[in-house]
Amino acid sequence: MPLLHRPTASACAALAAIGALVLAGLPGTASALTTGSAAAPHPAADTPAVADASPALLTAMRRDLGLTQAQARHRLTNEAAAGATAGRLRLGLGAAYAGAWVQGAESARLTVATTDPADVPAIEAEGAVAAVVPHPLAALEAAMTTLDRAAVRTTTVDAPVRYVDVRTNTLVVQAVRPAAAHDLVAAAGIDRGLVRVETSADRPRALYDLRGGDAYYMNGSGRCSVGFAVTKGTQQGFATAGHCGRPGTTTSGYNQVAQGSFQASTFPGRDTAWVAANSNWTSTPYVKGQGGANVQVTGSTQAPVGASVCRSGSTTGWHCGVIQQHNTSVTYPEGTISGVTRTTVCAEPGDSGGSFISGSQAQGVTSGGSGNCSSGGTTFYQPINPLLQAYALTLRTTTGPGPGDPGDPGDPGEPGGTWAAGTVYAAGAQVTYGGVTYRCLQAHQAQPGWQPPNVPALWQPV
């Protein structure tokens, strides 16, 4: 599975030698799902994921997912509700929790899996379908971690993709040669009963390539795509893929005007980087949508498995699909990365680093994949929240503060407590606010106005 960035003519021969293809580039109050297109609007429809959904995003969802505009809106409503419901149930089920996913053209069916049959009434009381399975999510994720450690010591080019599939309650190893997958499992020493080997000809590669989706050029020799505009204090810049450049790599924008330089980059292991822009460039809270229209970015709440997601890139533009699995590991010819999300969205060389967005919530930056936008394909993205946390960055949003404004990272929430705007919170994290302790339901970067009492879709009192 190769990397997809596009080289200039002068760089093509050298890059071909290493197998890389550089392109010379919710908060809401929902507690149950709506059940069909005729259902009354759900409170989740008032969240940014739905209320701020741009016409361009809805158009692309209609084109790529075969939906009407009404269905697209209902789907976003249901997905916002499902994320909150799954978050509450995950906390309530504890060690028995085995994952959650949405189904149907409008994502109207939420399934929550557990290993304990006694949990079924609690799941159904939340409006979800219960699935009783043999393996808890924690056990599958632990096996995944062990498999990733073994991948560091074992050649995995022929078994390049690994992920926990909550819908089948298995750890999947996708391989060009099944024997390579079996060798990896044996080297890891994990229970073979947890693993399903799938044969696939796909060989993902990173997609080489201050609005999300716009092109930028690295040292004049390659092209990638802007992920999401960010700030670090008063410094403006953007998040992108780590394989696009190393610290010190200079960049120019889509117009070939000097833009900035890479400040930090990780690849392989992860596929994360950020570029600091010079004073000629301004971070904007938008992603380039269908026909060049601006799509608003209002937050970074993580969407659930099965949710719709759209991608913007400088080669193929705007395309949509669904989230297949979170926390996937994939081996490119250059090395293995972990913690990426697998999707049905297509991508091509030059789209690397570009934006993945669900509704108006930033999801991640394009890493790599297989296939193309003519025949279809699989694409992986690096989730945005761990990237923001790793480099202490603040996502630029239409609802957030400007650089240096109150509410930047570290500014405590009023009327006191440990909650702080700009902080990235993982599901299960605890904070205090106004003398009350809250537990996080969905991973996100906190913003002014998103204080725990205001967003029951993201925080639950303990």
Protein backbone atom coordinates (compact mmCIF):
# COMPACT_ATOMS: atom_id res chain seq x y z
CA MET A 1 0.00 0.00 0.00
CA PRO A 2 1.98 3.01 -1.28
CA LEU A 3 2.16 6.63 -0.21
CA LEU A 4 0.18 9.08 -2.36
CA HIS A 5 1.84 12.43 -2.80
CA ARG A 6 2.68 13.84 -6.22
CA PRO A 7 6.29 14.68 -7.22
CA THR A 8 7.34 17.31 -9.67
CA ALA A 9 8.98 15.97 -12.82
CA SER A 10 12.48 16.42 -11.37
CA ALA A 11 11.65 14.32 -8.34
CA CYS A 12 9.79 11.47 -10.04
CA ALA A 13 12.72 9.11 -10.60
CA ALA A 14 14.01 9.34 -7.05
CA LEU A 15 10.57 8.83 -5.53
CA ALA A 16 9.75 5.92 -7.77
CA ALA A 17 12.83 4.21 -6.38
CA ILE A 18 11.32 4.13 -2.89
CA GLY A 19 7.79 3.31 -4.02
CA ALA A 20 6.28 6.65 -2.97
CA LEU A 21 3.89 8.62 -5.13
CA VAL A 22 4.19 12.28 -4.15
CA LEU A 23 1.83 14.58 -6.00
CA ALA A 24 4.08 17.41 -7.22
CA GLY A 25 1.52 17.46 -4.11
CA LEU A 26 -21.76 18.35 19.05
CA PRO A 27 -22.73 18.96 21.49
CA GLY A 28 -26.43 18.14 21.86
CA THR A 29 -29.04 16.81 24.20
CA ALA A 30 -29.88 13.60 22.39
CA SER A 31 -30.54 10.38 24.24
CA ALA A 32 -32.16 8.30 21.50
CA LEU A 33 -32.14 8.06 17.72
CA THR A 34 -34.77 9.14 15.28
CA THR A 35 -36.27 6.18 13.51
CA GLY A 36 -36.87 7.30 9.96
CA SER A 37 -36.99 10.13 7.49
CA ALA A 38 -40.43 11.19 8.68
CA ALA A 39 -39.41 11.43 12.33
CA ALA A 40 -39.69 14.73 14.16
CA PRO A 41 -36.45 16.75 14.42
CA HIS A 42 -34.22 15.47 17.20
CA PRO A 43 -32.53 17.89 19.63
CA ALA A 44 -29.25 16.77 18.05
CA ALA A 45 -30.35 18.63 14.93
CA ASP A 46 -29.56 21.84 16.81
CA THR A 47 -25.90 20.88 17.19
CA PRO A 48 -23.19 22.13 14.81
CA ALA A 49 -23.01 18.72 13.13
CA VAL A 50 -26.47 19.28 11.69
CA ALA A 51 -27.50 22.90 12.04
CA ASP A 52 -24.32 24.15 10.37
CA ALA A 53 -24.11 21.48 7.67
CA SER A 54 -23.22 23.31 4.47
CA PRO A 55 -25.15 22.84 1.20
CA ALA A 56 -21.90 21.59 -0.37
CA LEU A 57 -21.53 18.87 2.25
CA LEU A 58 -25.16 17.77 1.80
CA THR A 59 -24.71 17.73 -1.98
CA ALA A 60 -21.65 15.48 -1.72
CA MET A 61 -23.44 13.15 0.70
CA ARG A 62 -26.30 12.87 -1.77
CA ARG A 63 -23.90 12.10 -4.61
CA ASP A 64 -21.59 9.64 -2.83
CA LEU A 65 -24.01 7.98 -0.39
CA GLY A 66 -27.11 7.98 -2.62
CA LEU A 67 -29.21 10.10 -0.25
CA THR A 68 -31.80 12.79 -0.67
CA GLN A 69 -31.10 16.08 1.08
CA ALA A 70 -33.64 15.21 3.77
CA GLN A 71 -31.99 11.84 4.30
CA ALA A 72 -28.59 13.46 4.56
CA ARG A 73 -29.85 15.81 7.27
CA HIS A 74 -31.58 12.97 9.12
CA ARG A 75 -28.38 10.94 8.92
CA LEU A 76 -26.33 13.72 10.51
CA THR A 77 -28.99 14.14 13.21
CA ASN A 78 -28.98 10.43 14.00
CA GLU A 79 -25.20 10.22 14.04
CA ALA A 80 -24.93 13.12 16.48
CA ALA A 81 -27.44 11.38 18.76
CA ALA A 82 -25.75 7.98 18.37
CA GLY A 83 -22.37 9.29 19.46
CA ALA A 84 -23.77 10.62 22.72
CA THR A 85 -25.85 7.51 23.41
CA ALA A 86 -22.90 5.19 22.73
CA GLY A 87 -20.70 7.30 24.98
CA ARG A 88 -23.14 7.02 27.90
CA LEU A 89 -23.55 3.28 27.42
CA ARG A 90 -19.79 2.74 27.21
CA LEU A 91 -19.40 4.30 30.63
CA GLY A 92 -22.32 2.35 32.05
CA LEU A 93 -21.32 -1.06 30.68
CA GLY A 94 -17.72 -0.82 31.84
CA ALA A 95 -15.52 -3.83 31.11
CA ALA A 96 -18.34 -5.64 29.26
CA TYR A 97 -18.56 -2.95 26.56
CA ALA A 98 -17.69 -4.34 23.12
CA GLY A 99 -18.20 -1.43 20.72
CA ALA A 100 -20.97 0.46 18.92
CA TRP A 101 -21.93 1.26 15.32
CA VAL A 102 -24.70 2.84 13.27
CA GLN A 103 -26.46 1.35 10.26
CA GLY A 104 -28.94 2.27 7.55
CA ALA A 105 -29.14 4.98 4.93
CA GLU A 106 -30.00 7.49 7.65
CA SER A 107 -27.90 5.86 10.43
CA ALA A 108 -31.19 5.33 12.27
CA ARG A 109 -30.12 2.07 13.92
CA LEU A 110 -27.51 2.17 16.70
CA THR A 111 -26.15 -1.17 17.88
CA VAL A 112 -24.20 -1.44 21.13
CA ALA A 113 -22.35 -4.67 21.89
CA THR A 114 -21.70 -6.20 25.30
CA THR A 115 -20.36 -9.47 26.65
CA ASP A 116 -22.95 -9.57 29.45
CA PRO A 117 -26.53 -10.59 28.53
CA ALA A 118 -27.72 -8.76 31.66
CA ASP A 119 -26.84 -5.46 29.92
CA VAL A 120 -29.46 -5.90 27.18
CA PRO A 121 -32.30 -4.07 28.99
CA ALA A 122 -30.07 -1.06 29.73
CA ILE A 123 -28.97 -0.85 26.09
CA GLU A 124 -32.52 -1.14 24.78
CA ALA A 125 -33.72 1.47 27.26
CA GLU A 126 -31.44 3.96 25.48
CA GLY A 127 -33.13 3.22 22.15
CA ALA A 128 -30.25 1.08 20.85
CA VAL A 129 -30.12 -2.51 19.61
CA ALA A 130 -28.15 -4.84 21.88
CA ALA A 131 -25.64 -7.39 20.58
CA VAL A 132 -24.19 -9.98 22.95
CA VAL A 133 -20.70 -11.02 21.82
CA PRO A 134 -17.85 -13.10 23.28
CA HIS A 135 -15.01 -10.55 23.41
CA PRO A 136 -14.95 -7.17 25.19
CA LEU A 137 -13.52 -4.26 23.24
CA ALA A 138 -10.70 -3.90 25.75
CA ALA A 139 -9.50 -7.46 25.04
CA LEU A 140 -9.51 -6.92 21.28
CA GLU A 141 -7.68 -3.60 21.62
CA ALA A 142 -5.09 -5.20 23.92
CA ALA A 143 -4.50 -7.90 21.31
CA MET A 144 -4.19 -5.17 18.69
CA THR A 145 -1.51 -3.45 20.77
CA THR A 146 0.41 -6.72 21.06
CA LEU A 147 0.08 -7.25 17.30
CA ASP A 148 1.45 -3.76 16.65
CA ARG A 149 4.48 -4.45 18.85
CA ALA A 150 5.14 -7.62 16.88
CA ALA A 151 4.82 -5.65 13.62
CA VAL A 152 7.84 -3.59 14.65
CA ARG A 153 9.94 -6.77 14.70
CA THR A 154 8.27 -8.57 11.78
CA THR A 155 7.99 -7.65 8.10
CA THR A 156 4.34 -6.70 7.55
CA VAL A 157 4.38 -5.25 4.05
CA ASP A 158 2.28 -8.21 2.88
CA ALA A 159 -0.08 -7.87 5.89
CA PRO A 160 -0.41 -4.10 5.87
CA VAL A 161 -3.77 -3.40 7.54
CA ARG A 162 -4.94 -4.39 11.02
CA TYR A 163 -8.01 -3.21 12.93
CA VAL A 164 -10.61 -4.12 15.52
CA ASP A 165 -13.92 -4.68 13.73
CA VAL A 166 -16.60 -4.05 16.36
CA ARG A 167 -19.34 -5.25 14.02
CA THR A 168 -17.88 -8.77 13.84
CA ASN A 169 -16.18 -8.69 17.27
CA THR A 170 -12.83 -9.71 15.77
CA LEU A 171 -9.32 -8.42 15.24
CA VAL A 172 -8.88 -8.33 11.45
CA VAL A 173 -5.57 -8.67 9.65
CA GLN A 174 -5.84 -7.75 5.96
CA ALA A 175 -3.11 -9.37 3.88
CA VAL A 176 -1.90 -9.68 0.31
CA ARG A 177 -0.53 -13.08 1.35
CA PRO A 178 -2.52 -14.82 4.12
CA ALA A 179 0.66 -16.58 5.23
CA ALA A 180 2.14 -13.19 6.13
CA ALA A 181 -0.83 -12.50 8.39
CA HIS A 182 -0.53 -15.88 10.09
CA ASP A 183 3.20 -15.31 10.62
CA LEU A 184 2.48 -11.94 12.24
CA VAL A 185 -0.16 -13.42 14.56
CA ALA A 186 2.23 -16.22 15.53
CA ALA A 187 5.02 -13.72 16.22
CA ALA A 188 2.67 -11.72 18.45
CA GLY A 189 1.59 -14.81 20.37
CA ILE A 190 -2.03 -13.67 20.64
CA ASP A 191 -5.11 -15.90 20.76
CA ARG A 192 -5.87 -16.96 17.16
CA GLY A 193 -9.52 -17.14 18.11
CA LEU A 194 -9.60 -13.34 18.22
CA VAL A 195 -8.27 -12.95 14.68
CA ARG A 196 -9.84 -13.06 11.23
CA VAL A 197 -7.51 -12.95 8.20
CA GLU A 198 -8.85 -11.25 5.08
CA THR A 199 -7.12 -11.55 1.70
CA SER A 200 -6.84 -8.27 -0.18
CA ALA A 201 -4.69 -6.99 -3.03
CA ASP A 202 -4.67 -3.50 -1.49
CA ARG A 203 -1.31 -2.01 -0.56
CA PRO A 204 -2.07 1.32 1.14
CA ARG A 205 0.32 4.20 0.72
CA ALA A 206 0.42 7.62 2.31
CA LEU A 207 -1.32 10.23 0.17
CA TYR A 208 1.37 12.83 -0.42
CA ASP A 209 0.08 15.75 -1.12
CA LEU A 210 -5.02 27.90 5.11
CA ARG A 211 -8.14 26.28 4.18
CA GLY A 212 -8.48 22.53 4.51
CA GLY A 213 -8.10 20.69 1.21
CA ASP A 214 -6.03 23.36 -0.54
CA ALA A 215 -2.71 22.39 -2.11
CA TYR A 216 0.72 23.23 -0.73
CA TYR A 217 4.20 22.40 -2.00
CA MET A 218 7.21 21.10 -0.05
CA ASN A 219 10.69 22.44 -0.84
CA GLY A 220 9.49 22.89 -4.43
CA SER A 221 9.54 19.11 -4.96
CA GLY A 222 6.18 17.68 -3.99
CA ARG A 223 2.54 18.49 -3.27
CA CYS A 224 0.24 17.67 -0.36
CA SER A 225 -3.03 19.07 1.00
CA VAL A 226 -3.82 21.27 3.98
CA GLY A 227 -5.66 19.39 6.72
CA PHE A 228 -7.13 21.88 9.20
CA ALA A 229 -6.12 25.39 10.12
CA VAL A 230 -4.75 25.65 13.67
CA THR A 231 -3.16 28.13 16.04
CA LYS A 232 -0.47 27.79 18.68
CA GLY A 233 -0.73 30.91 20.80
CA THR A 234 -0.54 33.71 18.25
CA GLN A 235 1.19 31.54 15.64
CA GLN A 236 -1.05 30.47 12.77
CA GLY A 237 -0.61 27.34 10.66
CA PHE A 238 -2.19 24.04 9.69
CA ALA A 239 -2.24 20.36 10.57
CA THR A 240 -1.29 17.83 7.90
CA ALA A 241 0.27 14.39 7.35
CA GLY A 242 3.71 13.61 8.78
CA HIS A 243 4.93 11.83 5.68
CA CYS A 244 4.62 15.08 3.69
CA GLY A 245 7.62 16.70 5.36
CA ARG A 246 10.13 16.82 8.20
CA PRO A 247 10.88 19.65 10.65
CA GLY A 248 12.45 22.48 8.65
CA THR A 249 10.83 21.49 5.33
CA THR A 250 9.67 24.73 3.73
CA THR A 251 6.28 25.09 2.08
CA SER A 252 4.62 27.31 -0.50
CA GLY A 253 0.88 27.63 -0.95
CA TYR A 254 -1.49 26.67 -3.73
CA ASN A 255 -0.43 29.92 -5.47
CA GLN A 256 3.30 29.09 -5.13
CA VAL A 257 3.77 31.98 -2.66
CA ALA A 258 6.12 31.27 0.28
CA GLN A 259 3.97 29.91 3.08
CA GLY A 260 5.92 28.54 6.06
CA SER A 261 7.75 25.49 7.36
CA PHE A 262 7.14 22.20 9.16
CA GLN A 263 7.55 22.61 12.92
CA ALA A 264 7.06 18.99 13.96
CA SER A 265 6.44 15.73 12.13
CA THR A 266 5.99 12.06 13.05
CA PHE A 267 6.10 9.25 10.48
CA PRO A 268 6.03 6.26 10.69
CA GLY A 269 4.46 5.32 14.04
CA ARG A 270 1.90 8.08 13.54
CA ASP A 271 1.27 10.27 10.51
CA THR A 272 1.08 13.74 12.09
CA ALA A 273 2.65 17.13 11.38
CA TRP A 274 1.98 20.83 11.60
CA VAL A 275 3.21 23.76 9.54
CA ALA A 276 3.70 27.28 10.93
CA ALA A 277 2.68 29.89 8.37
CA ASN A 278 4.36 33.25 7.79
CA SER A 279 2.58 36.56 8.24
CA ASN A 280 1.22 36.47 4.68
CA TRP A 281 -1.14 33.64 5.56
CA THR A 282 -4.15 33.53 7.87
CA SER A 283 -5.76 30.44 9.36
CA THR A 284 -9.45 30.13 8.50
CA PRO A 285 -12.09 27.82 10.04
CA TYR A 286 -13.05 26.26 6.73
CA VAL A 287 -12.54 23.25 4.50
CA LYS A 288 -12.74 23.49 0.72
CA GLY A 289 -15.98 21.80 -0.28
CA GLN A 290 -17.78 20.93 -3.50
CA GLY A 291 -17.11 23.55 -6.18
CA GLY A 292 -14.70 25.40 -3.89
CA ALA A 293 -17.42 26.40 -1.41
CA ASN A 294 -16.39 26.89 2.22
CA VAL A 295 -17.47 24.19 4.68
CA GLN A 296 -17.49 25.38 8.29
CA VAL A 297 -15.40 23.67 10.96
CA THR A 298 -17.10 24.04 14.35
CA GLY A 299 -15.35 21.40 16.46
CA SER A 300 -13.63 18.02 16.59
CA THR A 301 -16.12 15.61 18.17
CA GLN A 302 -15.21 12.10 17.01
CA ALA A 303 -17.87 10.42 14.86
CA PRO A 304 -18.81 6.75 15.50
CA VAL A 305 -18.13 3.73 13.30
CA GLY A 306 -20.62 3.69 10.43
CA ALA A 307 -20.99 7.47 10.37
CA SER A 308 -20.72 9.48 7.17
CA VAL A 309 -17.48 11.35 6.54
CA CYS A 310 -16.26 13.57 3.70
CA ARG A 311 -12.73 14.35 2.49
CA SER A 312 -11.22 17.37 0.76
CA GLY A 313 -7.97 17.09 -1.18
CA SER A 314 -6.04 19.04 -3.76
CA THR A 315 -6.18 16.28 -6.42
CA THR A 316 -9.67 14.83 -6.30
CA GLY A 317 -11.57 17.51 -4.40
CA TRP A 318 -14.58 16.57 -2.29
CA HIS A 319 -15.70 12.95 -1.73
CA CYS A 320 -17.75 11.19 0.93
CA GLY A 321 -18.08 7.71 2.40
CA VAL A 322 -18.44 6.05 5.79
CA ILE A 323 -16.18 5.29 8.74
CA GLN A 324 -15.37 1.59 8.82
CA GLN A 325 -13.07 1.21 11.84
CA HIS A 326 -11.23 3.42 14.30
CA ASN A 327 -7.82 2.57 15.76
CA THR A 328 -6.47 0.80 12.68
CA SER A 329 -2.83 -0.06 12.06
CA VAL A 330 -1.45 -0.06 8.51
CA THR A 331 1.97 -0.86 7.06
CA TYR A 332 3.18 1.26 4.14
CA PRO A 333 6.46 0.49 2.35
CA GLU A 334 8.02 3.24 4.50
CA GLY A 335 6.83 1.78 7.81
CA THR A 336 3.84 1.10 10.06
CA ILE A 337 1.46 3.67 11.53
CA SER A 338 -1.12 3.02 14.24
CA GLY A 339 -4.26 4.70 15.47
CA VAL A 340 -5.61 5.71 12.05
CA THR A 341 -9.25 5.42 10.93
CA ARG A 342 -10.28 3.29 7.94
CA THR A 343 -12.95 4.65 5.56
CA THR A 344 -14.69 3.93 2.25
CA VAL A 345 -13.78 7.39 0.92
CA CYS A 346 -11.62 7.42 -2.21
CA ALA A 347 -8.37 9.39 -2.58
CA GLU A 348 -5.45 9.75 -4.99
CA PRO A 349 -1.86 11.05 -4.98
CA GLY A 350 -1.70 14.64 -3.76
CA ASP A 351 -4.68 14.31 -1.40
CA SER A 352 -2.36 13.43 1.51
CA GLY A 353 -2.73 15.62 4.56
CA GLY A 354 -6.19 16.83 3.46
CA SER A 355 -9.29 17.21 5.62
CA PHE A 356 -11.73 14.54 6.80
CA ILE A 357 -14.90 16.08 8.24
CA SER A 358 -18.23 14.69 9.49
CA GLY A 359 -20.98 17.30 9.46
CA SER A 360 -19.01 20.28 10.69
CA GLN A 361 -16.78 18.28 13.05
CA ALA A 362 -13.12 17.82 12.07
CA GLN A 363 -12.14 14.14 12.08
CA GLY A 364 -8.59 13.86 10.77
CA VAL A 365 -5.99 14.33 8.05
CA THR A 366 -5.61 12.03 5.05
CA SER A 367 -2.80 9.52 5.44
CA GLY A 368 -2.91 6.85 2.72
CA GLY A 369 -4.94 4.14 1.09
CA SER A 370 -5.57 2.06 -2.00
CA GLY A 371 -7.71 2.38 -5.11
CA ASN A 372 -8.75 5.66 -6.71
CA CYS A 373 -11.77 7.91 -7.27
CA SER A 374 -12.72 6.21 -10.55
CA SER A 375 -13.05 2.64 -9.31
CA GLY A 376 -13.32 3.36 -5.57
CA GLY A 377 -10.95 2.63 -2.75
CA THR A 378 -10.08 2.59 0.93
CA THR A 379 -8.48 5.59 2.64
CA PHE A 380 -7.06 6.02 6.14
CA TYR A 381 -6.95 9.23 8.13
CA GLN A 382 -4.94 10.27 11.17
CA PRO A 383 -7.45 11.44 13.82
CA ILE A 384 -7.22 15.16 14.53
CA ASN A 385 -7.63 15.14 18.33
CA PRO A 386 -4.43 13.19 19.11
CA LEU A 387 -2.58 15.43 16.61
CA LEU A 388 -3.83 18.59 18.33
CA GLN A 389 -2.91 17.18 21.72
CA ALA A 390 0.57 16.03 20.68
CA TYR A 391 1.60 19.45 19.39
CA ALA A 392 -0.48 21.63 21.77
CA LEU A 393 -2.47 23.11 18.88
CA THR A 394 -5.92 24.71 18.84
CA LEU A 395 -8.28 23.88 16.00
CA ARG A 396 -9.51 26.99 14.17
CA THR A 397 -13.31 26.96 14.29
CA THR A 398 -16.16 29.31 13.46
CA THR A 399 -17.26 29.14 17.10
CA GLY A 400 -13.86 29.37 18.75
CA PRO A 401 -11.73 32.37 19.76
CA GLY A 402 -9.07 34.04 17.67
CA PRO A 403 -5.37 33.74 18.47
CA GLY A 404 -4.65 35.20 21.88
CA ASP A 405 -8.33 35.64 22.78
CA PRO A 406 -9.76 34.41 26.12
CA GLY A 407 -10.48 30.71 25.84
CA ASP A 408 -7.15 29.77 24.27
CA PRO A 409 -5.59 26.54 25.68
CA GLY A 410 -5.13 26.73 29.40
CA ASP A 411 -7.86 29.32 30.04
CA PRO A 412 -9.96 27.72 32.78
CA GLY A 413 -13.70 27.56 32.43
CA GLU A 414 -15.95 29.73 34.56
CA PRO A 415 -17.03 29.49 37.33
CA GLY A 416 -13.94 27.47 38.16
CA GLY A 417 -12.73 23.90 37.94
CA THR A 418 -10.35 21.80 35.87
CA TRP A 419 -12.25 22.02 32.57
CA ALA A 420 -10.38 24.25 30.09
CA ALA A 421 -11.11 25.41 26.57
CA GLY A 422 -8.48 24.19 24.11
CA THR A 423 -7.85 20.95 25.99
CA VAL A 424 -8.31 17.66 24.10
CA TYR A 425 -10.44 15.27 26.15
CA ALA A 426 -10.64 11.53 25.52
CA ALA A 427 -13.78 9.52 26.23
CA GLY A 428 -13.79 8.68 29.94
CA ALA A 429 -11.75 11.71 31.03
CA GLN A 430 -13.00 13.49 34.16
CA VAL A 431 -13.12 17.22 34.89
CA THR A 432 -14.69 19.51 37.45
CA TYR A 433 -16.77 22.56 36.62
CA GLY A 434 -18.84 24.71 38.97
CA GLY A 435 -18.25 22.25 41.80
CA VAL A 436 -19.56 19.27 39.79
CA THR A 437 -17.52 16.37 38.41
CA TYR A 438 -18.18 15.36 34.80
CA ARG A 439 -17.03 12.43 32.66
CA CYS A 440 -16.37 12.84 28.92
CA LEU A 441 -18.66 10.86 26.59
CA GLN A 442 -17.04 11.64 23.20
CA ALA A 443 -13.48 12.63 22.33
CA HIS A 444 -13.18 16.33 21.38
CA GLN A 445 -11.20 19.53 21.83
CA ALA A 446 -13.05 21.81 24.24
CA GLN A 447 -14.14 25.27 23.09
CA PRO A 448 -15.56 28.36 24.78
CA GLY A 449 -19.30 27.82 25.16
CA TRP A 450 -18.85 24.05 25.35
CA GLN A 451 -18.68 23.99 29.17
CA PRO A 452 -19.87 20.62 30.53
CA PRO A 453 -23.33 21.79 31.71
CA ASN A 454 -24.01 23.17 28.22
CA VAL A 455 -23.24 20.01 26.24
CA PRO A 456 -24.81 16.83 27.65
CA ALA A 457 -23.85 15.05 24.40
CA LEU A 458 -20.21 15.46 25.44
CA TRP A 459 -20.27 15.43 29.28
CA GLN A 460 -22.15 13.45 31.91
CA PRO A 461 -22.28 14.40 35.61
CA VAL A 462 -20.68 11.73 37.78
